[in-house]
Amino acid sequence: EGGGVEVWSAALGRGCGPVVMTDRRIQDLPLMEVIRWSEIALFVGARGRHEELKRVLIGASESGEYENMRRLGMAAAHHFAWNESPQPYDAFHMVIYQLWLRRHAIRYARWGGAEVS
């Protein structure tokens, strides 16, 4: 149900390739700072959906790009798995790593003259 990490992990692990349909810049895919989505998913404009989707899928299939995306997606699937006890490179570790990568991007505000860090 929904698009939780369990769904992503199961789908990628079984070789399903995500197709993202949007006309906007993508900013909220899971683990965007860690996963190179451009290598494991197809991005299609939302306008003219059927024609563009068909063209992109046929092109990716004929060029062999889709098979490479499937292989990379299957390799990335374990990064979406939540375990009872965290295991190396599972979703817990990937979220912590993503937060660590963002540590320099966070701007700290000053409240009452005291800097928060």
C-alpha atoms as a PDB file:
ATOM      1  CA  GLU A   1       0.000   0.000   0.000  1.00  0.00           C
ATOM      2  CA  GLY A   2       1.280   3.485  -0.753  1.00  0.00           C
ATOM      3  CA  GLY A   3       4.835   4.207  -1.715  1.00  0.00           C
ATOM      4  CA  GLY A   4       6.700   3.351   1.475  1.00  0.00           C
ATOM      5  CA  VAL A   5      10.213   2.000   1.604  1.00  0.00           C
ATOM      6  CA  GLU A   6       8.920  -1.568   1.827  1.00  0.00           C
ATOM      7  CA  VAL A   7       7.271  -1.153  -1.570  1.00  0.00           C
ATOM      8  CA  TRP A   8      10.413   0.367  -3.109  1.00  0.00           C
ATOM      9  CA  SER A   9      12.611  -2.397  -1.698  1.00  0.00           C
ATOM     10  CA  ALA A  10      10.328  -5.210  -2.868  1.00  0.00           C
ATOM     11  CA  ALA A  11       9.772  -3.743  -6.334  1.00  0.00           C
ATOM     12  CA  LEU A  12      13.429  -2.954  -7.012  1.00  0.00           C
ATOM     13  CA  GLY A  13      14.517  -6.313  -5.597  1.00  0.00           C
ATOM     14  CA  ARG A  14      12.253  -8.114  -8.057  1.00  0.00           C
ATOM     15  CA  GLY A  15      13.648  -6.181 -11.008  1.00  0.00           C
ATOM     16  CA  CYS A  16      10.893  -3.610 -11.462  1.00  0.00           C
ATOM     17  CA  GLY A  17      12.081  -0.330 -12.899  1.00  0.00           C
ATOM     18  CA  PRO A  18      10.402   2.787 -11.528  1.00  0.00           C
ATOM     19  CA  VAL A  19       8.823   5.165 -14.027  1.00  0.00           C
ATOM     20  CA  VAL A  20       8.360   8.689 -12.676  1.00  0.00           C
ATOM     21  CA  MET A  21       5.850  10.849 -14.539  1.00  0.00           C
ATOM     22  CA  THR A  22       6.082  14.558 -13.805  1.00  0.00           C
ATOM     23  CA  ASP A  23       6.662  17.904 -15.448  1.00  0.00           C
ATOM     24  CA  ARG A  24       8.336  19.359 -12.368  1.00  0.00           C
ATOM     25  CA  ARG A  25      11.838  18.960 -11.035  1.00  0.00           C
ATOM     26  CA  ILE A  26      11.996  15.925  -8.770  1.00  0.00           C
ATOM     27  CA  GLN A  27      13.067  16.761  -5.221  1.00  0.00           C
ATOM     28  CA  ASP A  28      11.491  14.129  -3.037  1.00  0.00           C
ATOM     29  CA  LEU A  29      12.438  10.632  -4.130  1.00  0.00           C
ATOM     30  CA  PRO A  30      13.662   8.425  -1.285  1.00  0.00           C
ATOM     31  CA  LEU A  31      17.373   8.787  -0.496  1.00  0.00           C
ATOM     32  CA  MET A  32      17.935  11.336  -3.267  1.00  0.00           C
ATOM     33  CA  GLU A  33      21.359  12.335  -1.964  1.00  0.00           C
ATOM     34  CA  VAL A  34      22.488   8.702  -1.895  1.00  0.00           C
ATOM     35  CA  ILE A  35      20.780   6.939  -4.823  1.00  0.00           C
ATOM     36  CA  ARG A  36      21.424   8.025  -8.422  1.00  0.00           C
ATOM     37  CA  TRP A  37      17.818   7.791  -9.556  1.00  0.00           C
ATOM     38  CA  SER A  38      18.705   8.738 -13.121  1.00  0.00           C
ATOM     39  CA  GLU A  39      20.467   5.363 -13.398  1.00  0.00           C
ATOM     40  CA  ILE A  40      17.637   3.178 -12.049  1.00  0.00           C
ATOM     41  CA  ALA A  41      14.427   4.976 -13.052  1.00  0.00           C
ATOM     42  CA  LEU A  42      12.852   6.363 -16.191  1.00  0.00           C
ATOM     43  CA  PHE A  43      11.568   9.944 -16.065  1.00  0.00           C
ATOM     44  CA  VAL A  44       8.691  10.882 -18.348  1.00  0.00           C
ATOM     45  CA  GLY A  45       6.831  14.157 -18.726  1.00  0.00           C
ATOM     46  CA  ALA A  46       3.258  14.126 -17.449  1.00  0.00           C
ATOM     47  CA  ARG A  47       1.891  15.963 -20.488  1.00  0.00           C
ATOM     48  CA  GLY A  48       1.228  13.709 -23.465  1.00  0.00           C
ATOM     49  CA  ARG A  49       1.567  10.777 -21.087  1.00  0.00           C
ATOM     50  CA  HIS A  50       0.765   7.771 -23.214  1.00  0.00           C
ATOM     51  CA  GLU A  51       2.741   8.714 -26.280  1.00  0.00           C
ATOM     52  CA  GLU A  52       5.855   9.806 -24.408  1.00  0.00           C
ATOM     53  CA  LEU A  53       5.690   6.865 -21.994  1.00  0.00           C
ATOM     54  CA  LYS A  54       5.489   4.404 -24.872  1.00  0.00           C
ATOM     55  CA  ARG A  55       8.370   6.121 -26.697  1.00  0.00           C
ATOM     56  CA  VAL A  56      10.606   6.177 -23.601  1.00  0.00           C
ATOM     57  CA  LEU A  57       9.884   2.541 -22.673  1.00  0.00           C
ATOM     58  CA  ILE A  58      10.520   1.271 -26.202  1.00  0.00           C
ATOM     59  CA  GLY A  59      13.712   3.327 -26.477  1.00  0.00           C
ATOM     60  CA  ALA A  60      15.058   2.095 -23.135  1.00  0.00           C
ATOM     61  CA  SER A  61      14.221  -1.501 -23.993  1.00  0.00           C
ATOM     62  CA  GLU A  62      15.761  -1.438 -27.464  1.00  0.00           C
ATOM     63  CA  SER A  63      18.968   0.270 -26.333  1.00  0.00           C
ATOM     64  CA  GLY A  64      19.565  -2.158 -23.454  1.00  0.00           C
ATOM     65  CA  GLU A  65      19.316   0.739 -21.006  1.00  0.00           C
ATOM     66  CA  TYR A  66      16.346  -0.825 -19.223  1.00  0.00           C
ATOM     67  CA  GLU A  67      18.222  -4.062 -18.477  1.00  0.00           C
ATOM     68  CA  ASN A  68      21.063  -2.047 -16.942  1.00  0.00           C
ATOM     69  CA  MET A  69      18.522  -0.050 -14.889  1.00  0.00           C
ATOM     70  CA  ARG A  70      16.979  -3.293 -13.624  1.00  0.00           C
ATOM     71  CA  ARG A  71      20.387  -4.632 -12.596  1.00  0.00           C
ATOM     72  CA  LEU A  72      21.317  -1.423 -10.751  1.00  0.00           C
ATOM     73  CA  GLY A  73      17.867  -1.228  -9.138  1.00  0.00           C
ATOM     74  CA  MET A  74      18.156  -4.783  -7.846  1.00  0.00           C
ATOM     75  CA  ALA A  75      21.571  -3.941  -6.396  1.00  0.00           C
ATOM     76  CA  ALA A  76      20.135  -0.826  -4.687  1.00  0.00           C
ATOM     77  CA  ALA A  77      17.106  -2.628  -3.215  1.00  0.00           C
ATOM     78  CA  HIS A  78      18.822  -3.501   0.076  1.00  0.00           C
ATOM     79  CA  HIS A  79      19.279   0.232   0.788  1.00  0.00           C
ATOM     80  CA  PHE A  80      15.494   0.461   1.220  1.00  0.00           C
ATOM     81  CA  ALA A  81      15.138  -2.528   3.570  1.00  0.00           C
ATOM     82  CA  TRP A  82      14.254  -1.736   7.196  1.00  0.00           C
ATOM     83  CA  ASN A  83      15.539  -4.434   9.535  1.00  0.00           C
ATOM     84  CA  GLU A  84      14.632  -5.184  13.154  1.00  0.00           C
ATOM     85  CA  SER A  85      18.260  -4.536  14.019  1.00  0.00           C
ATOM     86  CA  PRO A  86      20.082  -2.162  11.632  1.00  0.00           C
ATOM     87  CA  GLN A  87      22.428  -3.889   9.220  1.00  0.00           C
ATOM     88  CA  PRO A  88      25.170  -2.389   7.061  1.00  0.00           C
ATOM     89  CA  TYR A  89      23.837  -0.334   4.147  1.00  0.00           C
ATOM     90  CA  ASP A  90      20.156  -0.865   5.019  1.00  0.00           C
ATOM     91  CA  ALA A  91      17.602   1.967   5.105  1.00  0.00           C
ATOM     92  CA  PHE A  92      18.600   3.047   8.615  1.00  0.00           C
ATOM     93  CA  HIS A  93      22.234   3.487   7.635  1.00  0.00           C
ATOM     94  CA  MET A  94      21.322   5.203   4.371  1.00  0.00           C
ATOM     95  CA  VAL A  95      19.125   7.756   6.175  1.00  0.00           C
ATOM     96  CA  ILE A  96      21.899   8.456   8.697  1.00  0.00           C
ATOM     97  CA  TYR A  97      24.398   8.812   5.849  1.00  0.00           C
ATOM     98  CA  GLN A  98      22.057  11.168   3.988  1.00  0.00           C
ATOM     99  CA  LEU A  99      21.736  13.323   7.121  1.00  0.00           C
ATOM    100  CA  TRP A 100      25.522  13.330   7.484  1.00  0.00           C
ATOM    101  CA  LEU A 101      25.859  14.528   3.875  1.00  0.00           C
ATOM    102  CA  ARG A 102      23.424  17.373   4.588  1.00  0.00           C
ATOM    103  CA  ARG A 103      25.221  18.572   7.726  1.00  0.00           C
ATOM    104  CA  HIS A 104      27.002  21.386   5.895  1.00  0.00           C
ATOM    105  CA  ALA A 105      23.916  22.455   3.961  1.00  0.00           C
ATOM    106  CA  ILE A 106      21.896  23.226   7.081  1.00  0.00           C
ATOM    107  CA  ARG A 107      21.857  26.887   7.982  1.00  0.00           C
ATOM    108  CA  TYR A 108      21.618  27.557  11.672  1.00  0.00           C
ATOM    109  CA  ALA A 109      19.507  30.516  12.771  1.00  0.00           C
ATOM    110  CA  ARG A 110      20.409  32.875  15.556  1.00  0.00           C
ATOM    111  CA  TRP A 111      17.891  33.166  18.345  1.00  0.00           C
ATOM    112  CA  GLY A 112      18.386  35.959  20.817  1.00  0.00           C
ATOM    113  CA  GLY A 113      22.040  36.413  19.920  1.00  0.00           C
ATOM    114  CA  ALA A 114      22.947  32.792  20.709  1.00  0.00           C
ATOM    115  CA  GLU A 115      23.970  30.561  17.834  1.00  0.00           C
ATOM    116  CA  VAL A 116      22.446  27.109  17.695  1.00  0.00           C
ATOM    117  CA  SER A 117      24.749  24.302  16.643  1.00  0.00           C
END
